[in-house]
Amino acid sequence: MPDFSDDRQLVGALAGGDEAAFSFLLDRYHQALIRTALLYVSSRAVAEEVVQETWLAVLQGIQRFEGRSSLKTWLFRILMNRAQTRGQREGRTIPFSALAPDSADADEPTVEPDRFLSATHPQWPGHWTQPPRSWQGIPEELYLSAELHAALLQAIEQLPPQQRAVISLRDLDGWSAQEVCNTLHLSETNQRVLLHRARAKARKALEQYLERAGGDRT
């Protein structure tokens, strides 16, 4: 049985028409491909079409894969090229440069300023007025609930596209920072800024959810 976690074995199996290898690839990356395609096209239906085209291109081109990048990076570059082309047809192109934080985003505070005391506070200048709430003591079943998972996904869906792409790949799909930088053509600094802002917003949304759910027992 080939070890599909090894790129060389996986590519060899795909080139040999191994259906199990393709199923492995499909299970591992299909949802991440959909999320990435949605950065460029207008609807999930169109994103599904783009991903199907991507899978077809992978099957047709796997014999020409030279291993200059990881199979995952190669796969997502095929996806993004096709999604960009479809986005151009829809008049909805987002250039790679848009994945960098724009000037407005760069000025956006990660945490609301009113959660800090003023710089002139006589005792605690710049300290928290309302620190992040500890989540210790929250029942494990709440962490594992489908409702909390849905709340997190909803919070991520509402992020700006740049932040949504980075947090999805890093925290939902388990990509390394280097993989995200290579695939999205981001500098390490931009990737870090986007991830930090996205995580801060996701945490805030979860704080609000837990308060509504009565889960904050600290």
Foldseek 3Di string as FASTA:
>chain_A
DFDLVDQVSLLVCLLVVNPVSLVVVCVQPVVLQLLLLVLQDDDSVVSNVLLVVLSVCCSVCSVVDPPPDGPVLVSLLSSVVSSQVVSVVVVRHDDLVNLFQDPVRVPDDLDPPVQFADCVPPPGHGHGPHDQADLPPQDPCVVVDPVLVVLLVVQLVPDNSSLSSLCCCCPVNPDDLVSCCSNSVHDSVRSVSSPSSSVSSSSVSSVVVCVVVVRRPD
